[in-house]
C-alpha cells in the first residue's frame, strides 16, 4: 500500500493499538507459522506503554502509559510468551488507590490547578526501553533510575541505583529542588553498550544551577563509576547519544522548559517545552580521554533528533552520525490534527551528518525521502562503523508519521529496502546477528489492523523476507525499544 492512506483509518488503527493490556500471562506456547531459523535461540524482551488510563482518566500523551514488558522465548522448541507490568512505586500506589496520584510527562492530575499546584514529583513510567547488561535486566525511562526485573519471571525487583551511585548528592543553589524532585539521579533510556567489552555508557539531565549533564559508565560486571558531570547552559531535551572511540556526542536542540510553570502545575512537563526548530542544532562533544568539551553549532541543520542510529570517527578526523531527524518537533498529543492535516515536517528521515571538530564545519546528506525511525544497527565495539541500518518507516509520500514498514539501508550503496504492511503498525526491529558476520534476523512486533491482534514477525535481515510469524495471546501496544539475549547469556532460573 502506498503513501496515501485515509486519515480516519490511521486514527482507528492507532486507537486499536493504544488499548490498555488487561492480562498478565506466563509461558503461553504460541502457534508458529513458517520455520524458526536454525540458531535463533534466546529471549526477545520488549518495553512500551501498556496502560493508557487510570480511574477512568485517559492519559493525554502517548508516552505516559505504564511500562509493560513482553518476553518471547524463541528457540528450536517454538515460541513462549509472557508479559508483566513494571511495578514501579507509583504504579503500585495507584493500583491500591484506584485513581491517578501522580502527574506524568504529558498529563496533569484531574482537578486543575488546585490538584497540581506544587506537586513536584513526576511519575516514573519505566516504559521506554529494556536492556540486558552486567547480568541485570533493566527497564528504563528518561528521568529516573532503572527498575531491575527478573529475566525469567519478569517480576519487578526494585530500583537499581548501582550501589548508591545514582543517589542525588549534587550541591548548588537549586540542589535542594533537584533532590525534592527526585532523591535519585536520572538514567536515560538510551544507553550504549560495547559488544566487545560489555561496558555501558549512559547519561542523565539534572535541573539546577548549574544545569548538569551526567555521564555514567558501567563495567561489564555492573559496577558503575562515579557520575561525570558537565555543565549545560540550559536544561535541554536530549533523548540519545553517540559513542565513538574519541567522543561522547549529544545533539542539543534549541530547547527551553518553562520550569516554573511546570513545577507550579500550570503546565505539564512536555507542555512547558518549547523547541525552536528553525534554529540550528548544537553538538556537544565530550572527549573520552578526558580532554575539554566543545560545542559545535550545526549551521543549516535545525529540527529535532530523538534517535542516533550510529556514530563513528572518520579517517580524516571527522565525526560521522546517522540520525533520524524531524524538521519540526513532533507534537504527539493531538493525533487527530496531526493525521488529518498531514504535517510533513513531523515525518522523520534518516540523514548522515558529518562534523569536523577542528574547523567547526558540518555537512548533511539525506539517505532518501522515505520516513525512517527507531534505527538499529548490529552490535559491535564503540565507534565501529556499521554498514546496515534497520528501522521502521513508510512508503514515499506519506505526510504523517504513520509507520507501517520495516526497512534496511545499505550505507555502502545507498540502497533502501522496504517491506510495507499496509495499515499494520510495525514495531522496532531487533537484530539478531547471524554466525560468521552474517546479517542474521530481524524480530518485530506487528499490530494487525482491524484484527485486534499482535504478531511476532521474524524476517531475514538481508532481504526482509518473512521466515516465520506467531500470533500473541493478547493485543500488545506497539511500544518502543527492546533487546535480544542469547540463551547462554541468561542465568538459570532461581
Protein backbone atom coordinates (compact mmCIF):
# COMPACT_ATOMS: atom_id res chain seq x y z
CA UNK A 1 0.00 0.00 0.00
CA UNK A 2 1.38 3.40 -0.94
CA UNK A 3 1.91 6.65 0.86
CA UNK A 4 -1.68 7.92 0.72
CA UNK A 5 -3.86 6.37 3.41
CA UNK A 6 -7.18 7.58 4.76
CA UNK A 7 -6.51 9.61 7.92
CA UNK A 8 -9.59 8.24 9.68
CA UNK A 9 -8.36 4.70 9.03
CA UNK A 10 -4.97 5.63 10.51
CA UNK A 11 -6.63 7.06 13.61
CA UNK A 12 -8.77 3.95 14.08
CA UNK A 13 -5.70 1.73 13.97
CA UNK A 14 -3.80 3.98 16.37
CA UNK A 15 -6.75 3.79 18.78
CA UNK A 16 -6.74 -0.02 18.49
CA UNK A 17 -3.01 -0.10 19.23
CA UNK A 18 -3.36 2.13 22.31
CA UNK A 19 -5.61 -0.02 24.47
CA UNK A 20 -4.70 -0.99 27.99
CA UNK A 21 -3.33 -4.51 28.40
CA UNK A 22 -5.74 -6.37 30.65
CA UNK A 23 -3.92 -9.68 31.22
CA UNK A 24 -0.56 -10.79 32.52
CA UNK A 25 0.29 -14.23 31.16
CA UNK A 26 3.08 -16.73 31.81
CA UNK A 27 4.78 -19.02 29.28
CA UNK A 28 1.95 -19.36 26.80
CA UNK A 29 3.07 -21.52 23.88
CA UNK A 30 2.37 -19.85 20.54
CA UNK A 31 1.49 -21.45 17.23
CA UNK A 32 4.21 -20.68 14.71
CA UNK A 33 3.61 -20.37 11.01
CA UNK A 34 6.76 -20.97 9.00
CA UNK A 35 10.11 -22.15 10.34
CA UNK A 36 12.16 -20.66 13.14
CA UNK A 37 15.66 -20.14 11.71
CA UNK A 38 18.32 -22.53 12.91
CA UNK A 39 20.48 -20.91 15.55
CA UNK A 40 17.80 -18.43 16.66
CA UNK A 41 17.79 -19.39 20.33
CA UNK A 42 17.20 -16.87 23.11
CA UNK A 43 14.75 -14.34 24.51
CA UNK A 44 13.32 -11.17 22.99
CA UNK A 45 12.38 -8.53 25.58
CA UNK A 46 10.23 -5.53 24.58
CA UNK A 47 9.07 -2.50 26.55
CA UNK A 48 6.38 0.11 25.92
CA UNK A 49 3.30 1.74 27.43
CA UNK A 50 0.70 -0.85 28.38
CA UNK A 51 -1.80 1.10 30.49
CA UNK A 52 -3.25 4.28 29.00
CA UNK A 53 -5.72 5.30 31.71
CA UNK A 54 -6.27 5.14 35.44
CA UNK A 55 -9.52 5.52 37.30
CA UNK A 56 -11.38 6.43 34.11
CA UNK A 57 -8.93 9.22 33.23
CA UNK A 58 -7.18 8.79 29.89
CA UNK A 59 -3.55 9.86 29.70
CA UNK A 60 -3.16 12.89 27.44
CA UNK A 61 0.16 11.87 25.87
CA UNK A 62 1.17 8.53 24.27
CA UNK A 63 4.45 8.48 26.21
CA UNK A 64 2.67 8.39 29.60
CA UNK A 65 1.47 4.78 29.82
CA UNK A 66 2.81 2.41 32.47
CA UNK A 67 5.74 0.24 31.35
CA UNK A 68 4.74 -3.19 30.08
CA UNK A 69 7.36 -5.88 29.35
CA UNK A 70 6.89 -8.65 26.80
CA UNK A 71 9.09 -11.75 26.99
CA UNK A 72 9.25 -14.03 23.94
CA UNK A 73 11.31 -17.18 24.43
CA UNK A 74 12.31 -18.27 20.91
CA UNK A 75 14.14 -21.48 20.09
CA UNK A 76 14.02 -24.86 18.37
CA UNK A 77 11.08 -25.91 20.55
CA UNK A 78 8.95 -22.94 19.48
CA UNK A 79 7.91 -19.61 21.00
CA UNK A 80 6.58 -18.93 24.52
CA UNK A 81 5.01 -15.63 25.58
CA UNK A 82 4.99 -13.91 28.97
CA UNK A 83 4.14 -10.33 29.94
CA UNK A 84 4.22 -8.20 33.08
CA UNK A 85 3.81 -4.56 34.03
CA UNK A 86 6.82 -2.93 35.66
CA UNK A 87 5.59 -2.49 39.19
CA UNK A 88 7.03 0.91 39.93
CA UNK A 89 6.39 2.51 43.28
CA UNK A 90 3.88 4.84 41.64
CA UNK A 91 2.01 2.09 39.79
CA UNK A 92 1.60 0.09 43.00
CA UNK A 93 0.26 3.14 44.86
CA UNK A 94 -2.20 3.97 42.06
CA UNK A 95 -3.41 0.38 41.87
CA UNK A 96 -4.19 0.47 45.56
CA UNK A 97 -5.93 3.85 45.31
CA UNK A 98 -7.78 3.05 42.06
CA UNK A 99 -7.05 6.52 40.67
CA UNK A 100 -4.27 8.77 39.40
CA UNK A 101 -1.99 10.01 42.15
CA UNK A 102 0.91 11.41 40.13
CA UNK A 103 1.47 13.84 37.32
CA UNK A 104 3.14 12.39 34.24
CA UNK A 105 5.26 13.65 31.35
CA UNK A 106 2.22 14.89 29.44
CA UNK A 107 -0.76 14.59 31.81
CA UNK A 108 -1.68 16.64 34.86
CA UNK A 109 -3.93 15.29 37.57
CA UNK A 110 -7.65 15.92 37.11
CA UNK A 111 -8.88 18.85 39.16
CA UNK A 112 -7.00 21.74 37.59
CA UNK A 113 -4.52 23.95 39.39
CA UNK A 114 -5.54 23.04 42.98
CA UNK A 115 -4.79 19.36 42.27
CA UNK A 116 -1.42 20.05 40.60
CA UNK A 117 -0.03 23.05 42.46
CA UNK A 118 3.47 22.21 43.77
CA UNK A 119 3.03 18.51 43.00
CA UNK A 120 6.70 18.27 42.12
CA UNK A 121 7.06 14.53 41.68
CA UNK A 122 6.60 13.19 38.14
CA UNK A 123 5.66 9.55 37.78
CA UNK A 124 8.32 7.12 36.60
CA UNK A 125 6.65 5.16 33.82
CA UNK A 126 9.56 2.73 33.22
CA UNK A 127 8.15 2.34 29.71
CA UNK A 128 10.81 3.21 27.14
CA UNK A 129 13.48 0.52 26.93
CA UNK A 130 14.63 -2.77 28.42
CA UNK A 131 18.31 -3.72 28.31
CA UNK A 132 20.48 -6.62 29.46
CA UNK A 133 23.85 -5.61 30.91
CA UNK A 134 26.08 -6.78 33.73
CA UNK A 135 23.79 -9.75 34.44
CA UNK A 136 20.83 -7.40 35.02
CA UNK A 137 17.60 -6.86 33.10
CA UNK A 138 16.70 -3.18 33.43
CA UNK A 139 13.52 -1.30 32.45
CA UNK A 140 14.42 2.29 31.56
CA UNK A 141 12.70 5.66 31.39
CA UNK A 142 14.14 9.15 30.79
CA UNK A 143 14.09 10.78 34.17
CA UNK A 144 14.54 8.19 36.92
CA UNK A 145 16.72 5.23 37.89
CA UNK A 146 16.03 1.96 36.09
CA UNK A 147 13.91 -0.80 37.55
CA UNK A 148 15.51 -4.23 37.81
CA UNK A 149 13.50 -7.23 36.62
CA UNK A 150 13.81 -10.99 36.97
CA UNK A 151 14.74 -12.16 33.43
CA UNK A 152 12.65 -15.31 33.75
CA UNK A 153 9.50 -14.30 35.67
CA UNK A 154 9.63 -10.56 34.82
CA UNK A 155 8.96 -9.83 38.50
CA UNK A 156 9.99 -6.30 39.49
CA UNK A 157 12.91 -6.45 41.93
CA UNK A 158 13.09 -2.72 42.72
CA UNK A 159 15.04 0.31 41.55
CA UNK A 160 18.67 -0.15 40.51
CA UNK A 161 20.92 2.57 41.94
CA UNK A 162 24.23 0.78 41.20
CA UNK A 163 25.27 0.56 44.86
CA UNK A 164 24.11 4.12 45.51
CA UNK A 165 25.93 5.81 42.62
CA UNK A 166 22.56 7.14 41.39
CA UNK A 167 21.74 8.84 44.69
CA UNK A 168 21.45 12.59 44.12
CA UNK A 169 24.21 14.25 46.12
CA UNK A 170 24.90 17.26 43.90
CA UNK A 171 25.13 20.61 45.73
CA UNK A 172 24.20 24.03 44.38
CA UNK A 173 21.67 26.83 44.83
CA UNK A 174 18.88 24.65 43.44
CA UNK A 175 20.31 21.33 44.60
CA UNK A 176 17.56 21.06 47.21
CA UNK A 177 14.94 21.38 44.48
CA UNK A 178 16.55 18.70 42.32
CA UNK A 179 16.61 16.38 45.33
CA UNK A 180 12.99 17.26 46.10
CA UNK A 181 12.02 16.33 42.55
CA UNK A 182 13.85 13.01 42.92
CA UNK A 183 16.22 11.61 45.51
CA UNK A 184 17.89 9.67 42.70
CA UNK A 185 19.63 10.74 39.51
CA UNK A 186 18.02 10.31 36.08
CA UNK A 187 19.30 7.46 33.90
CA UNK A 188 18.37 7.84 30.23
CA UNK A 189 16.53 5.17 28.25
CA UNK A 190 19.22 5.05 25.52
CA UNK A 191 22.47 3.63 26.89
CA UNK A 192 25.19 2.45 24.53
CA UNK A 193 26.74 -0.96 25.19
CA UNK A 194 30.12 -2.02 23.81
CA UNK A 195 29.72 -5.56 22.47
CA UNK A 196 33.47 -6.13 22.81
CA UNK A 197 33.99 -5.09 26.45
CA UNK A 198 30.42 -5.25 27.81
CA UNK A 199 30.77 -1.68 29.15
CA UNK A 200 27.75 0.62 29.16
CA UNK A 201 27.76 4.41 28.74
CA UNK A 202 24.65 6.43 29.53
CA UNK A 203 23.64 9.90 30.68
CA UNK A 204 21.10 11.89 32.65
CA UNK A 205 19.99 15.54 32.70
CA UNK A 206 19.80 17.24 36.09
CA UNK A 207 17.93 20.53 36.56
CA UNK A 208 19.54 23.16 38.78
CA UNK A 209 22.01 25.99 38.94
CA UNK A 210 24.01 24.93 37.10
CA UNK A 211 22.12 22.52 34.89
CA UNK A 212 24.15 19.37 34.52
CA UNK A 213 24.59 16.57 32.04
CA UNK A 214 25.81 13.49 33.90
CA UNK A 215 27.68 10.72 32.09
CA UNK A 216 27.67 7.23 33.57
CA UNK A 217 29.98 4.31 32.87
CA UNK A 218 29.07 0.79 33.99
CA UNK A 219 31.55 -2.04 33.50
CA UNK A 220 30.67 -5.49 32.20
CA UNK A 221 30.02 -6.73 35.76
CA UNK A 222 27.51 -3.99 36.51
CA UNK A 223 29.80 -1.73 38.57
CA UNK A 224 29.26 1.99 37.99
CA UNK A 225 31.99 4.62 38.22
CA UNK A 226 31.26 7.98 39.86
CA UNK A 227 28.98 10.08 37.60
CA UNK A 228 30.90 12.52 35.41
CA UNK A 229 29.21 15.97 35.50
CA UNK A 230 29.25 18.56 32.71
CA UNK A 231 27.62 21.99 32.91
CA UNK A 232 24.89 22.88 30.40
CA UNK A 233 23.84 26.45 29.55
CA UNK A 234 20.16 25.40 29.52
CA UNK A 235 18.06 22.49 30.73
CA UNK A 236 17.62 20.90 27.32
CA UNK A 237 15.82 17.85 25.93
CA UNK A 238 18.21 15.07 24.92
CA UNK A 239 16.98 11.55 24.20
CA UNK A 240 20.04 9.70 22.85
CA UNK A 241 23.82 9.83 22.49
CA UNK A 242 26.55 8.53 20.20
CA UNK A 243 29.76 6.96 21.48
CA UNK A 244 32.83 6.65 19.26
CA UNK A 245 36.44 5.84 20.03
CA UNK A 246 37.13 9.56 20.55
CA UNK A 247 33.84 11.13 21.62
CA UNK A 248 30.62 11.07 23.59
CA UNK A 249 28.32 13.15 21.37
CA UNK A 250 24.99 14.78 22.29
CA UNK A 251 22.76 16.69 19.86
CA UNK A 252 21.21 19.64 21.69
CA UNK A 253 18.12 21.31 20.25
CA UNK A 254 17.40 24.97 20.88
CA UNK A 255 15.01 23.93 23.63
CA UNK A 256 13.72 25.59 26.77
CA UNK A 257 11.44 24.30 29.50
CA UNK A 258 9.17 26.71 31.33
CA UNK A 259 10.28 25.11 34.57
CA UNK A 260 8.36 27.42 36.96
CA UNK A 261 5.04 26.75 35.15
CA UNK A 262 5.70 23.00 35.17
CA UNK A 263 6.61 22.98 38.86
CA UNK A 264 3.60 25.08 39.79
CA UNK A 265 1.31 22.69 37.93
CA UNK A 266 0.22 25.26 35.35
CA UNK A 267 1.63 23.09 32.56
CA UNK A 268 2.74 19.53 32.10
CA UNK A 269 6.50 18.98 31.59
CA UNK A 270 6.03 18.37 27.86
CA UNK A 271 3.56 21.25 27.68
CA UNK A 272 6.21 23.57 29.07
CA UNK A 273 8.73 22.57 26.38
CA UNK A 274 9.48 24.97 23.54
CA UNK A 275 11.89 23.95 20.78
CA UNK A 276 12.99 26.48 18.18
CA UNK A 277 13.40 24.04 15.30
CA UNK A 278 14.19 26.87 12.91
CA UNK A 279 17.46 27.44 14.79
CA UNK A 280 20.45 25.10 14.31
CA UNK A 281 21.14 22.10 16.47
CA UNK A 282 24.26 22.06 18.57
CA UNK A 283 26.62 19.11 19.01
CA UNK A 284 28.19 18.77 22.44
CA UNK A 285 31.39 16.74 22.02
CA UNK A 286 32.98 15.34 25.18
CA UNK A 287 36.29 13.54 24.63
CA UNK A 288 36.58 10.05 26.03
CA UNK A 289 40.18 10.73 27.04
CA UNK A 290 39.17 13.47 29.48
CA UNK A 291 40.00 16.50 27.34
CA UNK A 292 37.97 19.69 27.19
CA UNK A 293 34.44 19.51 25.82
CA UNK A 294 33.47 21.57 22.80
CA UNK A 295 30.17 22.71 21.33
CA UNK A 296 29.62 22.96 17.59
CA UNK A 297 26.72 24.86 16.04
CA UNK A 298 25.36 22.84 13.11
CA UNK A 299 24.67 25.71 10.72
CA UNK A 300 21.78 24.94 8.41
CA UNK A 301 20.70 21.86 10.37
CA UNK A 302 17.74 22.55 12.66
CA UNK A 303 14.84 20.40 13.75
CA UNK A 304 14.93 17.66 16.36
CA UNK A 305 16.55 14.23 16.76
CA UNK A 306 15.18 11.51 19.01
CA UNK A 307 17.44 8.71 17.83
CA UNK A 308 21.01 8.34 16.60
CA UNK A 309 21.50 5.19 14.55
CA UNK A 310 25.28 5.18 14.84
CA UNK A 311 28.35 7.35 15.27
CA UNK A 312 31.93 6.72 14.22
CA UNK A 313 35.20 8.58 13.68
CA UNK A 314 36.14 9.31 10.07
CA UNK A 315 39.70 8.71 8.92
CA UNK A 316 40.05 12.45 8.26
CA UNK A 317 39.31 13.38 11.88
CA UNK A 318 35.62 13.99 11.33
CA UNK A 319 32.76 12.61 13.41
CA UNK A 320 30.05 10.87 11.38
CA UNK A 321 26.47 10.45 12.67
CA UNK A 322 23.50 8.70 11.09
CA UNK A 323 20.37 10.20 12.68
CA UNK A 324 16.58 10.18 12.30
CA UNK A 325 15.83 13.90 12.09
CA UNK A 326 12.50 15.74 12.23
CA UNK A 327 12.28 19.15 10.56
CA UNK A 328 9.73 20.16 13.23
CA UNK A 329 9.37 18.89 16.78
CA UNK A 330 6.74 16.10 16.67
CA UNK A 331 3.73 17.01 18.80
CA UNK A 332 2.12 13.66 19.55
CA UNK A 333 -0.62 14.80 21.95
CA UNK A 334 -3.06 15.75 19.16
CA UNK A 335 -3.19 12.75 16.85
CA UNK A 336 -6.41 13.86 15.16
CA UNK A 337 -4.91 17.12 13.90
CA UNK A 338 -1.57 15.52 13.11
CA UNK A 339 -3.02 12.81 10.88
CA UNK A 340 -5.92 14.72 9.35
CA UNK A 341 -3.89 17.78 8.43
CA UNK A 342 -0.72 15.99 7.40
CA UNK A 343 2.46 17.64 8.64
CA UNK A 344 5.48 16.60 6.56
CA UNK A 345 7.83 18.39 8.95
CA UNK A 346 6.91 15.87 11.64
CA UNK A 347 7.93 12.89 9.48
CA UNK A 348 11.47 11.69 10.39
CA UNK A 349 14.09 10.97 7.75
CA UNK A 350 17.43 9.21 8.05
CA UNK A 351 20.37 11.51 7.37
CA UNK A 352 24.13 11.46 7.67
CA UNK A 353 25.67 14.42 9.49
CA UNK A 354 29.45 14.82 9.21
CA UNK A 355 31.13 17.10 11.77
CA UNK A 356 34.65 18.46 11.68
CA UNK A 357 35.66 19.27 15.29
CA UNK A 358 38.79 21.07 14.07
CA UNK A 359 37.07 23.59 11.78
CA UNK A 360 33.57 23.54 13.27
CA UNK A 361 32.04 22.82 9.87
CA UNK A 362 29.30 20.29 9.21
CA UNK A 363 27.55 18.64 6.27
CA UNK A 364 24.13 16.96 5.97
CA UNK A 365 23.47 14.16 3.45
CA UNK A 366 19.95 12.65 3.35
CA UNK A 367 19.74 8.90 2.81
CA UNK A 368 16.42 9.23 0.97
CA UNK A 369 12.89 10.58 1.09
CA UNK A 370 11.29 7.73 3.00
CA UNK A 371 10.26 8.12 6.62
CA UNK A 372 12.67 6.34 8.98
CA UNK A 373 12.59 5.93 12.77
CA UNK A 374 13.71 3.62 15.61
CA UNK A 375 17.01 2.88 13.83
CA UNK A 376 19.09 -0.09 14.95
CA UNK A 377 22.46 -1.48 13.88
CA UNK A 378 24.45 -4.63 14.60
CA UNK A 379 26.14 -4.82 18.00
CA UNK A 380 29.86 -4.07 17.96
CA UNK A 381 32.66 -2.14 19.65
CA UNK A 382 32.10 1.54 20.40
CA UNK A 383 32.60 3.65 17.28
CA UNK A 384 32.94 0.84 14.77
CA UNK A 385 31.01 1.82 11.61
CA UNK A 386 28.09 -0.43 10.72
CA UNK A 387 27.19 -0.94 7.10
CA UNK A 388 23.49 -1.64 7.59
CA UNK A 389 20.83 0.37 9.42
CA UNK A 390 17.40 -1.13 10.07
CA UNK A 391 14.27 0.63 11.27
CA UNK A 392 10.61 1.33 10.75
CA UNK A 393 9.26 3.65 8.08
CA UNK A 394 6.68 4.18 5.37
CA UNK A 395 6.45 4.34 1.60
CA UNK A 396 7.41 7.68 -0.01
CA UNK A 397 4.88 10.47 0.03
CA UNK A 398 3.22 9.86 3.38
CA UNK A 399 2.65 13.21 5.07
CA UNK A 400 2.08 11.89 8.60
CA UNK A 401 4.35 9.82 10.85
CA UNK A 402 2.29 6.65 10.41
CA UNK A 403 4.96 3.96 10.17
CA UNK A 404 3.92 0.64 8.65
CA UNK A 405 7.11 -0.74 7.15
CA UNK A 406 10.39 -2.35 8.15
CA UNK A 407 13.40 -1.00 6.29
CA UNK A 408 17.06 -1.77 5.62
CA UNK A 409 19.62 0.77 4.48
CA UNK A 410 22.93 -0.30 2.97
CA UNK A 411 25.21 2.67 3.70
CA UNK A 412 27.83 1.39 1.24
CA UNK A 413 25.48 1.50 -1.76
CA UNK A 414 22.67 3.77 -0.56
CA UNK A 415 20.12 1.05 -1.34
CA UNK A 416 16.98 1.23 0.81
CA UNK A 417 14.83 -1.89 1.01
CA UNK A 418 11.31 -1.76 2.41
CA UNK A 419 8.68 -4.28 3.43
CA UNK A 420 5.39 -2.47 3.90
CA UNK A 421 2.49 -3.96 5.88
CA UNK A 422 -0.28 -1.64 4.66
CA UNK A 423 -2.28 -0.36 7.65
CA UNK A 424 -0.48 -2.67 10.10
CA UNK A 425 1.83 -0.85 12.52
CA UNK A 426 5.41 -2.11 12.70
CA UNK A 427 7.44 -2.11 15.91
CA UNK A 428 11.17 -1.52 16.23
CA UNK A 429 13.06 -4.38 14.53
CA UNK A 430 15.52 -6.06 16.87
CA UNK A 431 18.55 -7.52 15.08
CA UNK A 432 19.83 -10.98 15.98
CA UNK A 433 23.20 -11.26 14.22
CA UNK A 434 23.95 -14.45 12.34
CA UNK A 435 27.12 -16.55 12.61
CA UNK A 436 30.41 -15.52 10.98
CA UNK A 437 29.37 -11.94 10.31
CA UNK A 438 26.10 -12.79 8.56
CA UNK A 439 23.34 -10.21 8.91
CA UNK A 440 21.03 -12.61 10.69
CA UNK A 441 17.39 -11.93 11.55
CA UNK A 442 15.05 -9.10 12.47
CA UNK A 443 12.36 -9.59 15.13
CA UNK A 444 9.42 -7.17 15.24
CA UNK A 445 6.00 -6.98 16.89
CA UNK A 446 3.35 -6.05 14.35
CA UNK A 447 -0.08 -4.64 15.20
CA UNK A 448 -2.58 -6.20 12.75
CA UNK A 449 -5.10 -3.51 11.81
CA UNK A 450 -8.75 -4.37 12.40
CA UNK A 451 -7.95 -7.77 13.87
CA UNK A 452 -7.04 -6.74 17.44
CA UNK A 453 -4.00 -8.99 17.18
CA UNK A 454 -0.26 -8.62 17.66
CA UNK A 455 2.13 -10.82 15.74
CA UNK A 456 5.77 -11.65 16.20
CA UNK A 457 7.37 -11.42 12.76
CA UNK A 458 10.78 -12.97 12.01
CA UNK A 459 12.43 -11.57 8.88
CA UNK A 460 15.70 -12.33 7.14
CA UNK A 461 17.69 -9.13 7.62
CA UNK A 462 19.39 -9.17 4.22
CA UNK A 463 16.24 -9.04 2.09
CA UNK A 464 13.39 -8.59 4.65
CA UNK A 465 11.80 -11.89 3.63
CA UNK A 466 9.40 -13.22 6.27
CA UNK A 467 10.57 -16.53 7.68
CA UNK A 468 8.03 -17.11 10.47
CA UNK A 469 5.16 -15.47 12.36
CA UNK A 470 3.40 -16.17 15.65
CA UNK A 471 0.21 -14.55 16.99
CA UNK A 472 0.42 -13.37 20.60
CA UNK A 473 -2.35 -14.41 23.02
CA UNK A 474 -3.31 -10.79 23.76
CA UNK A 475 -3.09 -7.47 21.99
CA UNK A 476 0.17 -5.68 22.85
CA UNK A 477 0.63 -1.97 22.04
CA UNK A 478 3.44 -1.40 19.56
CA UNK A 479 5.82 0.04 22.17
CA UNK A 480 9.31 1.48 21.89
CA UNK A 481 12.54 -0.45 22.42
CA UNK A 482 13.84 -3.85 23.43
CA UNK A 483 16.75 -6.29 23.33
CA UNK A 484 17.72 -9.81 22.36
CA UNK A 485 19.50 -12.02 24.91
CA UNK A 486 21.08 -15.30 23.69
CA UNK A 487 20.05 -18.24 25.81
CA UNK A 488 23.59 -18.89 27.04
CA UNK A 489 23.81 -15.37 28.49
CA UNK A 490 20.85 -15.84 30.82
CA UNK A 491 21.32 -17.30 34.30
CA UNK A 492 19.48 -20.45 35.30
CA UNK A 493 16.02 -19.78 36.78
CA UNK A 494 16.14 -19.39 40.56
